[in-house]
Amino acid sequence: PSDLDWVCGLHAAPPLVAFVHWGEEYVTTPTGEERQIADALARCGVSLIVGNHSHQASAGIESLRGGAAQMVYSLGNFIFDQ
């Protein structure tokens, strides 16, 4: 079973929030594979998907599945000693 199978099997009350560690450094938009993962999480009832790792903030919030879920691909850096 994959991590997504585990998420889909949760018996938790909404809202469900997923924090994902994904993305290539300094890229602000998701790849096709990351979009597929976000869509699968939304199908499992996750209503907010928040990404981190790329060190660059996304331009905005993206609606998924007709607005049933929202995704922020990357929050960027809060504190990072670059």
PDB file of N, CA and C in Angstrom:
ATOM      1  N   PRO A   1       0.828  -1.208   0.000  1.00  0.00           N
ATOM      2  CA  PRO A   1       0.000   0.000   0.000  1.00  0.00           C
ATOM      3  C   PRO A   1       0.864   1.260   0.000  1.00  0.00           C
ATOM      4  N   SER A   2       0.373   2.281  -0.652  1.00  0.00           N
ATOM      5  CA  SER A   2       1.101   3.546  -0.711  1.00  0.00           C
ATOM      6  C   SER A   2       0.669   4.456   0.429  1.00  0.00           C
ATOM      7  N   ASP A   3       1.387   5.577   0.578  1.00  0.00           N
ATOM      8  CA  ASP A   3       1.006   6.572   1.575  1.00  0.00           C
ATOM      9  C   ASP A   3      -0.391   7.107   1.290  1.00  0.00           C
ATOM     10  N   LEU A   4      -0.755   7.224   0.015  1.00  0.00           N
ATOM     11  CA  LEU A   4      -2.083   7.710  -0.335  1.00  0.00           C
ATOM     12  C   LEU A   4      -3.161   6.739   0.109  1.00  0.00           C
ATOM     13  N   ASP A   5      -2.890   5.438   0.034  1.00  0.00           N
ATOM     14  CA  ASP A   5      -3.850   4.451   0.525  1.00  0.00           C
ATOM     15  C   ASP A   5      -4.091   4.659   2.018  1.00  0.00           C
ATOM     16  N   TRP A   6      -3.054   4.971   2.739  1.00  0.00           N
ATOM     17  CA  TRP A   6      -3.166   5.214   4.177  1.00  0.00           C
ATOM     18  C   TRP A   6      -4.052   6.430   4.432  1.00  0.00           C
ATOM     19  N   VAL A   7      -3.826   7.493   3.682  1.00  0.00           N
ATOM     20  CA  VAL A   7      -4.624   8.714   3.848  1.00  0.00           C
ATOM     21  C   VAL A   7      -6.079   8.430   3.521  1.00  0.00           C
ATOM     22  N   CYS A   8      -6.325   7.718   2.441  1.00  0.00           N
ATOM     23  CA  CYS A   8      -7.703   7.427   2.040  1.00  0.00           C
ATOM     24  C   CYS A   8      -8.420   6.539   3.052  1.00  0.00           C
ATOM     25  N   GLY A   9      -7.665   5.788   3.820  1.00  0.00           N
ATOM     26  CA  GLY A   9      -8.260   4.906   4.818  1.00  0.00           C
ATOM     27  C   GLY A   9      -8.531   5.557   6.162  1.00  0.00           C
ATOM     28  N   LEU A  10      -8.155   6.818   6.315  1.00  0.00           N
ATOM     29  CA  LEU A  10      -8.395   7.499   7.587  1.00  0.00           C
ATOM     30  C   LEU A  10      -9.882   7.696   7.835  1.00  0.00           C
ATOM     31  N   HIS A  11     -10.260   7.586   9.068  1.00  0.00           N
ATOM     32  CA  HIS A  11     -11.640   7.861   9.459  1.00  0.00           C
ATOM     33  C   HIS A  11     -11.623   9.111  10.321  1.00  0.00           C
ATOM     34  N   ALA A  12     -11.261  10.209   9.709  1.00  0.00           N
ATOM     35  CA  ALA A  12     -11.128  11.478  10.429  1.00  0.00           C
ATOM     36  C   ALA A  12     -12.187  12.450   9.921  1.00  0.00           C
ATOM     37  N   ALA A  13     -12.599  13.320  10.813  1.00  0.00           N
ATOM     38  CA  ALA A  13     -13.586  14.329  10.445  1.00  0.00           C
ATOM     39  C   ALA A  13     -12.899  15.477   9.713  1.00  0.00           C
ATOM     40  N   PRO A  14     -13.553  16.009   8.716  1.00  0.00           N
ATOM     41  CA  PRO A  14     -12.986  17.158   8.010  1.00  0.00           C
ATOM     42  C   PRO A  14     -12.919  18.375   8.928  1.00  0.00           C
ATOM     43  N   PRO A  15     -12.087  19.329   8.645  1.00  0.00           N
ATOM     44  CA  PRO A  15     -11.247  19.413   7.452  1.00  0.00           C
ATOM     45  C   PRO A  15      -9.953  18.637   7.643  1.00  0.00           C
ATOM     46  N   LEU A  16      -9.523  17.985   6.593  1.00  0.00           N
ATOM     47  CA  LEU A  16      -8.237  17.297   6.591  1.00  0.00           C
ATOM     48  C   LEU A  16      -7.226  18.173   5.875  1.00  0.00           C
ATOM     49  N   VAL A  17      -6.042  18.303   6.460  1.00  0.00           N
ATOM     50  CA  VAL A  17      -4.972  19.113   5.897  1.00  0.00           C
ATOM     51  C   VAL A  17      -3.763  18.216   5.697  1.00  0.00           C
ATOM     52  N   ALA A  18      -3.158  18.286   4.516  1.00  0.00           N
ATOM     53  CA  ALA A  18      -1.950  17.511   4.229  1.00  0.00           C
ATOM     54  C   ALA A  18      -0.789  18.479   4.015  1.00  0.00           C
ATOM     55  N   PHE A  19       0.287  18.264   4.755  1.00  0.00           N
ATOM     56  CA  PHE A  19       1.530  19.006   4.551  1.00  0.00           C
ATOM     57  C   PHE A  19       2.485  18.065   3.828  1.00  0.00           C
ATOM     58  N   VAL A  20       2.875  18.427   2.612  1.00  0.00           N
ATOM     59  CA  VAL A  20       3.705  17.540   1.802  1.00  0.00           C
ATOM     60  C   VAL A  20       5.076  18.158   1.555  1.00  0.00           C
ATOM     61  N   HIS A  21       6.078  17.306   1.581  1.00  0.00           N
ATOM     62  CA  HIS A  21       7.452  17.732   1.305  1.00  0.00           C
ATOM     63  C   HIS A  21       7.735  17.304  -0.123  1.00  0.00           C
ATOM     64  N   TRP A  22       7.644  18.258  -1.032  1.00  0.00           N
ATOM     65  CA  TRP A  22       7.810  17.935  -2.437  1.00  0.00           C
ATOM     66  C   TRP A  22       8.397  19.114  -3.184  1.00  0.00           C
ATOM     67  N   GLY A  23       8.686  18.918  -4.443  1.00  0.00           N
ATOM     68  CA  GLY A  23       9.111  19.995  -5.311  1.00  0.00           C
ATOM     69  C   GLY A  23      10.606  20.063  -5.509  1.00  0.00           C
ATOM     70  N   GLU A  24      10.954  20.619  -6.639  1.00  0.00           N
ATOM     71  CA  GLU A  24      12.343  20.876  -6.958  1.00  0.00           C
ATOM     72  C   GLU A  24      12.701  22.252  -6.405  1.00  0.00           C
ATOM     73  N   GLU A  25      13.898  22.394  -5.901  1.00  0.00           N
ATOM     74  CA  GLU A  25      14.295  23.670  -5.298  1.00  0.00           C
ATOM     75  C   GLU A  25      14.175  24.814  -6.289  1.00  0.00           C
ATOM     76  N   TYR A  26      13.611  25.912  -5.798  1.00  0.00           N
ATOM     77  CA  TYR A  26      13.439  27.176  -6.524  1.00  0.00           C
ATOM     78  C   TYR A  26      12.429  27.100  -7.666  1.00  0.00           C
ATOM     79  N   VAL A  27      11.549  26.128  -7.634  1.00  0.00           N
ATOM     80  CA  VAL A  27      10.464  26.012  -8.611  1.00  0.00           C
ATOM     81  C   VAL A  27       9.158  26.322  -7.883  1.00  0.00           C
ATOM     82  N   THR A  28       8.302  27.125  -8.500  1.00  0.00           N
ATOM     83  CA  THR A  28       7.084  27.592  -7.814  1.00  0.00           C
ATOM     84  C   THR A  28       5.800  26.945  -8.305  1.00  0.00           C
ATOM     85  N   THR A  29       5.899  26.012  -9.253  1.00  0.00           N
ATOM     86  CA  THR A  29       4.698  25.354  -9.764  1.00  0.00           C
ATOM     87  C   THR A  29       4.875  23.837  -9.723  1.00  0.00           C
ATOM     88  N   PRO A  30       3.784  23.126  -9.504  1.00  0.00           N
ATOM     89  CA  PRO A  30       3.865  21.666  -9.398  1.00  0.00           C
ATOM     90  C   PRO A  30       4.078  20.988 -10.747  1.00  0.00           C
ATOM     91  N   THR A  31       4.710  19.834 -10.688  1.00  0.00           N
ATOM     92  CA  THR A  31       4.853  18.990 -11.876  1.00  0.00           C
ATOM     93  C   THR A  31       3.542  18.237 -12.090  1.00  0.00           C
ATOM     94  N   GLY A  32       3.455  17.544 -13.206  1.00  0.00           N
ATOM     95  CA  GLY A  32       2.277  16.716 -13.463  1.00  0.00           C
ATOM     96  C   GLY A  32       2.079  15.653 -12.400  1.00  0.00           C
ATOM     97  N   GLU A  33       3.167  15.044 -11.960  1.00  0.00           N
ATOM     98  CA  GLU A  33       3.071  14.006 -10.921  1.00  0.00           C
ATOM     99  C   GLU A  33       2.584  14.604  -9.593  1.00  0.00           C
ATOM    100  N   GLU A  34       3.082  15.774  -9.249  1.00  0.00           N
ATOM    101  CA  GLU A  34       2.637  16.418  -8.009  1.00  0.00           C
ATOM    102  C   GLU A  34       1.162  16.817  -8.092  1.00  0.00           C
ATOM    103  N   ARG A  35       0.715  17.231  -9.266  1.00  0.00           N
ATOM    104  CA  ARG A  35      -0.708  17.534  -9.460  1.00  0.00           C
ATOM    105  C   ARG A  35      -1.553  16.273  -9.293  1.00  0.00           C
ATOM    106  N   GLN A  36      -1.054  15.139  -9.797  1.00  0.00           N
ATOM    107  CA  GLN A  36      -1.774  13.870  -9.631  1.00  0.00           C
ATOM    108  C   GLN A  36      -1.872  13.495  -8.159  1.00  0.00           C
ATOM    109  N   ILE A  37      -0.796  13.702  -7.418  1.00  0.00           N
ATOM    110  CA  ILE A  37      -0.810  13.410  -5.977  1.00  0.00           C
ATOM    111  C   ILE A  37      -1.815  14.320  -5.273  1.00  0.00           C
ATOM    112  N   ALA A  38      -1.794  15.601  -5.603  1.00  0.00           N
ATOM    113  CA  ALA A  38      -2.731  16.545  -4.988  1.00  0.00           C
ATOM    114  C   ALA A  38      -4.169  16.156  -5.307  1.00  0.00           C
ATOM    115  N   ASP A  39      -4.431  15.769  -6.541  1.00  0.00           N
ATOM    116  CA  ASP A  39      -5.787  15.352  -6.917  1.00  0.00           C
ATOM    117  C   ASP A  39      -6.204  14.101  -6.155  1.00  0.00           C
ATOM    118  N   ALA A  40      -5.275  13.156  -6.005  1.00  0.00           N
ATOM    119  CA  ALA A  40      -5.589  11.932  -5.247  1.00  0.00           C
ATOM    120  C   ALA A  40      -5.881  12.263  -3.788  1.00  0.00           C
ATOM    121  N   LEU A  41      -5.109  13.170  -3.200  1.00  0.00           N
ATOM    122  CA  LEU A  41      -5.384  13.579  -1.816  1.00  0.00           C
ATOM    123  C   LEU A  41      -6.759  14.232  -1.722  1.00  0.00           C
ATOM    124  N   ALA A  42      -7.098  15.073  -2.684  1.00  0.00           N
ATOM    125  CA  ALA A  42      -8.409  15.726  -2.684  1.00  0.00           C
ATOM    126  C   ALA A  42      -9.531  14.693  -2.809  1.00  0.00           C
ATOM    127  N   ARG A  43      -9.341  13.688  -3.646  1.00  0.00           N
ATOM    128  CA  ARG A  43     -10.344  12.620  -3.777  1.00  0.00           C
ATOM    129  C   ARG A  43     -10.538  11.869  -2.476  1.00  0.00           C
ATOM    130  N   CYS A  44      -9.500  11.812  -1.643  1.00  0.00           N
ATOM    131  CA  CYS A  44      -9.572  11.116  -0.357  1.00  0.00           C
ATOM    132  C   CYS A  44     -10.150  11.994   0.747  1.00  0.00           C
ATOM    133  N   GLY A  45     -10.542  13.222   0.415  1.00  0.00           N
ATOM    134  CA  GLY A  45     -11.175  14.084   1.410  1.00  0.00           C
ATOM    135  C   GLY A  45     -10.285  15.151   2.008  1.00  0.00           C
ATOM    136  N   VAL A  46      -9.052  15.260   1.541  1.00  0.00           N
ATOM    137  CA  VAL A  46      -8.174  16.320   2.038  1.00  0.00           C
ATOM    138  C   VAL A  46      -8.648  17.634   1.426  1.00  0.00           C
ATOM    139  N   SER A  47      -8.887  18.631   2.273  1.00  0.00           N
ATOM    140  CA  SER A  47      -9.411  19.898   1.762  1.00  0.00           C
ATOM    141  C   SER A  47      -8.346  20.983   1.605  1.00  0.00           C
ATOM    142  N   LEU A  48      -7.167  20.792   2.216  1.00  0.00           N
ATOM    143  CA  LEU A  48      -6.084  21.758   2.066  1.00  0.00           C
ATOM    144  C   LEU A  48      -4.771  20.999   1.940  1.00  0.00           C
ATOM    145  N   ILE A  49      -4.046  21.275   0.861  1.00  0.00           N
ATOM    146  CA  ILE A  49      -2.753  20.648   0.606  1.00  0.00           C
ATOM    147  C   ILE A  49      -1.717  21.761   0.618  1.00  0.00           C
ATOM    148  N   VAL A  50      -0.753  21.649   1.534  1.00  0.00           N
ATOM    149  CA  VAL A  50       0.261  22.683   1.708  1.00  0.00           C
ATOM    150  C   VAL A  50       1.627  22.049   1.473  1.00  0.00           C
ATOM    151  N   GLY A  51       2.352  22.586   0.502  1.00  0.00           N
ATOM    152  CA  GLY A  51       3.652  22.042   0.157  1.00  0.00           C
ATOM    153  C   GLY A  51       4.791  22.861   0.730  1.00  0.00           C
ATOM    154  N   ASN A  52       5.910  22.193   0.858  1.00  0.00           N
ATOM    155  CA  ASN A  52       7.129  22.866   1.273  1.00  0.00           C
ATOM    156  C   ASN A  52       8.309  22.137   0.665  1.00  0.00           C
ATOM    157  N   HIS A  53       9.415  22.769   0.580  1.00  0.00           N
ATOM    158  CA  HIS A  53      10.713  22.250   0.162  1.00  0.00           C
ATOM    159  C   HIS A  53      11.361  23.113  -0.908  1.00  0.00           C
ATOM    160  N   SER A  54      10.586  23.735  -1.796  1.00  0.00           N
ATOM    161  CA  SER A  54      11.192  24.367  -2.966  1.00  0.00           C
ATOM    162  C   SER A  54      11.902  25.692  -2.664  1.00  0.00           C
ATOM    163  N   HIS A  55      11.730  26.238  -1.479  1.00  0.00           N
ATOM    164  CA  HIS A  55      12.365  27.490  -1.050  1.00  0.00           C
ATOM    165  C   HIS A  55      11.830  28.725  -1.771  1.00  0.00           C
ATOM    166  N   GLN A  56      10.809  28.562  -2.591  1.00  0.00           N
ATOM    167  CA  GLN A  56      10.172  29.692  -3.275  1.00  0.00           C
ATOM    168  C   GLN A  56       8.674  29.605  -3.029  1.00  0.00           C
ATOM    169  N   ALA A  57       8.067  30.706  -2.689  1.00  0.00           N
ATOM    170  CA  ALA A  57       6.627  30.718  -2.446  1.00  0.00           C
ATOM    171  C   ALA A  57       5.852  30.676  -3.754  1.00  0.00           C
ATOM    172  N   SER A  58       4.751  29.964  -3.746  1.00  0.00           N
ATOM    173  CA  SER A  58       3.846  29.953  -4.886  1.00  0.00           C
ATOM    174  C   SER A  58       3.188  31.314  -5.027  1.00  0.00           C
ATOM    175  N   ALA A  59       2.711  31.579  -6.216  1.00  0.00           N
ATOM    176  CA  ALA A  59       2.058  32.864  -6.482  1.00  0.00           C
ATOM    177  C   ALA A  59       0.692  32.968  -5.814  1.00  0.00           C
ATOM    178  N   GLY A  60       0.055  31.839  -5.532  1.00  0.00           N
ATOM    179  CA  GLY A  60      -1.271  31.905  -4.934  1.00  0.00           C
ATOM    180  C   GLY A  60      -1.794  30.538  -4.548  1.00  0.00           C
ATOM    181  N   ILE A  61      -3.077  30.520  -4.271  1.00  0.00           N
ATOM    182  CA  ILE A  61      -3.773  29.298  -3.881  1.00  0.00           C
ATOM    183  C   ILE A  61      -4.507  28.773  -5.105  1.00  0.00           C
ATOM    184  N   GLU A  62      -4.417  27.471  -5.333  1.00  0.00           N
ATOM    185  CA  GLU A  62      -5.053  26.851  -6.497  1.00  0.00           C
ATOM    186  C   GLU A  62      -6.221  25.983  -6.042  1.00  0.00           C
ATOM    187  N   SER A  63      -7.358  26.140  -6.671  1.00  0.00           N
ATOM    188  CA  SER A  63      -8.522  25.307  -6.382  1.00  0.00           C
ATOM    189  C   SER A  63      -8.411  23.991  -7.124  1.00  0.00           C
ATOM    190  N   LEU A  64      -8.802  22.924  -6.458  1.00  0.00           N
ATOM    191  CA  LEU A  64      -8.801  21.586  -7.045  1.00  0.00           C
ATOM    192  C   LEU A  64     -10.201  21.003  -6.962  1.00  0.00           C
ATOM    193  N   ARG A  65     -10.514  20.142  -7.888  1.00  0.00           N
ATOM    194  CA  ARG A  65     -11.774  19.400  -7.887  1.00  0.00           C
ATOM    195  C   ARG A  65     -12.980  20.323  -7.699  1.00  0.00           C
ATOM    196  N   GLY A  66     -13.027  21.363  -8.511  1.00  0.00           N
ATOM    197  CA  GLY A  66     -14.168  22.274  -8.480  1.00  0.00           C
ATOM    198  C   GLY A  66     -14.279  23.094  -7.215  1.00  0.00           C
ATOM    199  N   GLY A  67     -13.162  23.282  -6.520  1.00  0.00           N
ATOM    200  CA  GLY A  67     -13.154  24.072  -5.292  1.00  0.00           C
ATOM    201  C   GLY A  67     -13.313  23.253  -4.020  1.00  0.00           C
ATOM    202  N   ALA A  68     -13.436  21.939  -4.161  1.00  0.00           N
ATOM    203  CA  ALA A  68     -13.572  21.079  -2.976  1.00  0.00           C
ATOM    204  C   ALA A  68     -12.291  21.048  -2.151  1.00  0.00           C
ATOM    205  N   ALA A  69     -11.164  21.343  -2.799  1.00  0.00           N
ATOM    206  CA  ALA A  69      -9.873  21.364  -2.110  1.00  0.00           C
ATOM    207  C   ALA A  69      -9.075  22.554  -2.622  1.00  0.00           C
ATOM    208  N   GLN A  70      -8.132  22.978  -1.803  1.00  0.00           N
ATOM    209  CA  GLN A  70      -7.246  24.080  -2.157  1.00  0.00           C
ATOM    210  C   GLN A  70      -5.811  23.589  -1.989  1.00  0.00           C
ATOM    211  N   MET A  71      -4.920  24.091  -2.867  1.00  0.00           N
ATOM    212  CA  MET A  71      -3.517  23.710  -2.772  1.00  0.00           C
ATOM    213  C   MET A  71      -2.639  24.961  -2.808  1.00  0.00           C
ATOM    214  N   VAL A  72      -1.710  25.007  -1.870  1.00  0.00           N
ATOM    215  CA  VAL A  72      -0.615  25.971  -1.916  1.00  0.00           C
ATOM    216  C   VAL A  72       0.615  25.129  -2.180  1.00  0.00           C
ATOM    217  N   TYR A  73       1.143  25.230  -3.394  1.00  0.00           N
ATOM    218  CA  TYR A  73       2.235  24.340  -3.785  1.00  0.00           C
ATOM    219  C   TYR A  73       3.446  24.501  -2.882  1.00  0.00           C
ATOM    220  N   SER A  74       3.817  25.739  -2.554  1.00  0.00           N
ATOM    221  CA  SER A  74       4.966  25.952  -1.684  1.00  0.00           C
ATOM    222  C   SER A  74       4.798  27.230  -0.886  1.00  0.00           C
ATOM    223  N   LEU A  75       5.134  27.147   0.386  1.00  0.00           N
ATOM    224  CA  LEU A  75       5.073  28.337   1.242  1.00  0.00           C
ATOM    225  C   LEU A  75       6.364  29.143   1.197  1.00  0.00           C
ATOM    226  N   GLY A  76       7.407  28.615   0.579  1.00  0.00           N
ATOM    227  CA  GLY A  76       8.674  29.317   0.534  1.00  0.00           C
ATOM    228  C   GLY A  76       9.430  29.137   1.832  1.00  0.00           C
ATOM    229  N   ASN A  77      10.237  30.135   2.190  1.00  0.00           N
ATOM    230  CA  ASN A  77      11.062  30.067   3.398  1.00  0.00           C
ATOM    231  C   ASN A  77      10.541  31.026   4.450  1.00  0.00           C
ATOM    232  N   PHE A  78      10.462  30.560   5.665  1.00  0.00           N
ATOM    233  CA  PHE A  78      10.186  31.464   6.767  1.00  0.00           C
ATOM    234  C   PHE A  78      11.529  31.995   7.297  1.00  0.00           C
ATOM    235  N   ILE A  79      12.391  31.058   7.654  1.00  0.00           N
ATOM    236  CA  ILE A  79      13.756  31.406   8.064  1.00  0.00           C
ATOM    237  C   ILE A  79      14.676  30.397   7.384  1.00  0.00           C
ATOM    238  N   PHE A  80      15.635  30.914   6.624  1.00  0.00           N
ATOM    239  CA  PHE A  80      16.591  30.048   5.945  1.00  0.00           C
ATOM    240  C   PHE A  80      17.863  30.867   5.760  1.00  0.00           C
ATOM    241  N   ASP A  81      18.978  30.332   6.165  1.00  0.00           N
ATOM    242  CA  ASP A  81      20.228  31.113   6.194  1.00  0.00           C
ATOM    243  C   ASP A  81      20.991  31.095   4.874  1.00  0.00           C
ATOM    244  N   GLN A  82      20.328  31.443   3.795  1.00  0.00           N
ATOM    245  CA  GLN A  82      21.001  31.487   2.499  1.00  0.00           C
ATOM    246  C   GLN A  82      21.645  32.821   2.309  1.00  0.00           C
TER     247      GLN A  82
END
